[in-house]
Each structure stands twice: as C-alpha cells, then as structure tokens.
C-alpha atoms as a PDB file:
ATOM      1  CA  MET A   1      32.095 -20.223 -11.182  1.00  0.00           C
ATOM      2  CA  THR A   2      32.420 -23.244 -13.431  1.00  0.00           C
ATOM      3  CA  LEU A   3      34.222 -26.532 -12.881  1.00  0.00           C
ATOM      4  CA  GLU A   4      36.929 -25.365 -15.267  1.00  0.00           C
ATOM      5  CA  GLU A   5      37.411 -22.124 -13.311  1.00  0.00           C
ATOM      6  CA  LEU A   6      37.581 -24.071 -10.045  1.00  0.00           C
ATOM      7  CA  ASN A   7      40.200 -26.423 -11.491  1.00  0.00           C
ATOM      8  CA  ASN A   8      42.201 -23.461 -12.827  1.00  0.00           C
ATOM      9  CA  THR A   9      42.093 -21.805  -9.396  1.00  0.00           C
ATOM     10  CA  LYS A  10      43.804 -24.803  -7.813  1.00  0.00           C
ATOM     11  CA  PRO A  11      45.394 -26.972 -10.561  1.00  0.00           C
ATOM     12  CA  GLU A  12      46.648 -29.486  -7.980  1.00  0.00           C
ATOM     13  CA  LEU A  13      43.003 -30.361  -7.222  1.00  0.00           C
ATOM     14  CA  LYS A  14      42.034 -30.958 -10.852  1.00  0.00           C
ATOM     15  CA  GLY A  15      41.879 -34.750 -10.499  1.00  0.00           C
ATOM     16  CA  CYS A  16      39.792 -34.629  -7.317  1.00  0.00           C
ATOM     17  CA  ILE A  17      36.046 -35.207  -7.363  1.00  0.00           C
ATOM     18  CA  CYS A  18      35.582 -34.003  -3.784  1.00  0.00           C
ATOM     19  CA  LEU A  19      37.479 -31.585  -1.577  1.00  0.00           C
ATOM     20  CA  ASN A  20      38.049 -31.774   2.152  1.00  0.00           C
ATOM     21  CA  GLN A  21      36.953 -29.059   4.563  1.00  0.00           C
ATOM     22  CA  ARG A  22      40.226 -27.121   4.465  1.00  0.00           C
ATOM     23  CA  GLN A  23      40.356 -27.100   0.659  1.00  0.00           C
ATOM     24  CA  THR A  24      36.697 -26.098   0.396  1.00  0.00           C
ATOM     25  CA  ALA A  25      37.103 -23.279   2.910  1.00  0.00           C
ATOM     26  CA  GLU A  26      40.080 -21.961   0.948  1.00  0.00           C
ATOM     27  CA  ILE A  27      38.123 -21.985  -2.339  1.00  0.00           C
ATOM     28  CA  ILE A  28      35.124 -20.237  -0.739  1.00  0.00           C
ATOM     29  CA  GLY A  29      37.328 -17.767   1.132  1.00  0.00           C
ATOM     30  CA  VAL A  30      36.365 -18.521   4.725  1.00  0.00           C
ATOM     31  CA  CYS A  31      38.058 -20.172   7.689  1.00  0.00           C
ATOM     32  CA  SER A  32      37.701 -23.919   8.076  1.00  0.00           C
ATOM     33  CA  SER A  33      35.957 -23.347  11.405  1.00  0.00           C
ATOM     34  CA  THR A  34      33.399 -21.104   9.685  1.00  0.00           C
ATOM     35  CA  LEU A  35      32.617 -23.874   7.227  1.00  0.00           C
ATOM     36  CA  ASP A  36      32.262 -26.281  10.173  1.00  0.00           C
ATOM     37  CA  ASN A  37      29.848 -23.902  11.912  1.00  0.00           C
ATOM     38  CA  TRP A  38      27.839 -23.389   8.724  1.00  0.00           C
ATOM     39  CA  ARG A  39      27.510 -27.145   8.304  1.00  0.00           C
ATOM     40  CA  LYS A  40      26.170 -27.503  11.856  1.00  0.00           C
ATOM     41  CA  ILE A  41      23.386 -24.970  11.174  1.00  0.00           C
ATOM     42  CA  GLY A  42      22.588 -26.117   7.654  1.00  0.00           C
ATOM     43  CA  LEU A  43      24.401 -23.465   5.621  1.00  0.00           C
ATOM     44  CA  GLY A  44      27.147 -23.803   3.036  1.00  0.00           C
ATOM     45  CA  PRO A  45      27.612 -26.285   0.221  1.00  0.00           C
ATOM     46  CA  ASN A  46      26.183 -29.795   0.345  1.00  0.00           C
ATOM     47  CA  TYR A  47      28.606 -32.389   1.673  1.00  0.00           C
ATOM     48  CA  LYS A  48      29.081 -36.113   2.120  1.00  0.00           C
ATOM     49  CA  LYS A  49      30.084 -37.612   5.443  1.00  0.00           C
ATOM     50  CA  ILE A  50      32.167 -40.750   5.210  1.00  0.00           C
ATOM     51  CA  ASP A  51      31.750 -42.907   8.329  1.00  0.00           C
ATOM     52  CA  SER A  52      29.545 -41.806  11.177  1.00  0.00           C
ATOM     53  CA  GLY A  53      30.366 -40.161  14.452  1.00  0.00           C
ATOM     54  CA  LYS A  54      32.738 -37.405  15.391  1.00  0.00           C
ATOM     55  CA  LYS A  55      35.676 -38.916  13.499  1.00  0.00           C
ATOM     56  CA  GLY A  56      33.752 -39.173  10.213  1.00  0.00           C
ATOM     57  CA  ARG A  57      35.389 -37.494   7.239  1.00  0.00           C
ATOM     58  CA  VAL A  58      33.497 -34.655   5.533  1.00  0.00           C
ATOM     59  CA  LEU A  59      33.922 -34.220   1.785  1.00  0.00           C
ATOM     60  CA  TYR A  60      32.461 -31.557  -0.476  1.00  0.00           C
ATOM     61  CA  PRO A  61      31.770 -32.537  -4.110  1.00  0.00           C
ATOM     62  CA  LYS A  62      33.156 -29.909  -6.486  1.00  0.00           C
ATOM     63  CA  THR A  63      29.754 -29.666  -8.169  1.00  0.00           C
ATOM     64  CA  ALA A  64      28.143 -28.801  -4.803  1.00  0.00           C
ATOM     65  CA  ILE A  65      30.718 -26.059  -4.191  1.00  0.00           C
ATOM     66  CA  ILE A  66      30.116 -24.581  -7.654  1.00  0.00           C
ATOM     67  CA  GLU A  67      26.346 -24.745  -7.226  1.00  0.00           C
ATOM     68  CA  TRP A  68      26.527 -23.098  -3.805  1.00  0.00           C
ATOM     69  CA  LEU A  69      28.809 -20.317  -5.074  1.00  0.00           C
ATOM     70  CA  SER A  70      26.495 -19.640  -8.030  1.00  0.00           C
ATOM     71  CA  ASN A  71      23.525 -19.250  -5.661  1.00  0.00           C
ATOM     72  CA  THR A  72      25.191 -16.787  -3.291  1.00  0.00           C
ATOM     73  CA  ILE A  73      24.518 -13.100  -3.666  1.00  0.00           C
ATOM     74  CA  GLN A  74      27.555 -10.947  -4.311  1.00  0.00           C
ATOM     75  CA  THR A  75      27.542  -7.310  -3.272  1.00  0.00           C
ATOM     76  CA  ALA A  76      29.707  -4.522  -4.561  1.00  0.00           C
END
C-alpha cells in the first residue's frame, strides 16, 4: 500500500499526518482492542504516544502504517 492508496481508501483522512487507534484499526482491518493488545506486546505499526500515563493519546503516523502493511505476509 502507498500513501496515495491509503488516502484514497479514506479521503476524509487525506490531510492527517497521523491516525488515532480507531482509524488505524479500521485501515488495517482489525478491532481497536486487537491493535491495543498488539501494542502492549510489541506488534503492529510504530506509534507515538502523546503525554505519558494511561490517559496518553496514541497516534500512528501514516508512513508507519504503510511500512507495517508492506512488511506483513499475505496468504491466499
């Protein structure tokens, strides 16, 4: 997937540099809770945490999502 393909998938997100957890989960095709669990065990796309602690906001750069998707193995 390219940045252009990602932006075409969700045109309303075209101007965004980063996506939140819900948006990222939707693009990847998993539940938000799955993405949360992956993050806790070190899987999934790279992310940025804004503020520390439990209330900190997690953002996923679009480039990290694209890179992660390009490195996953797809089966038939």
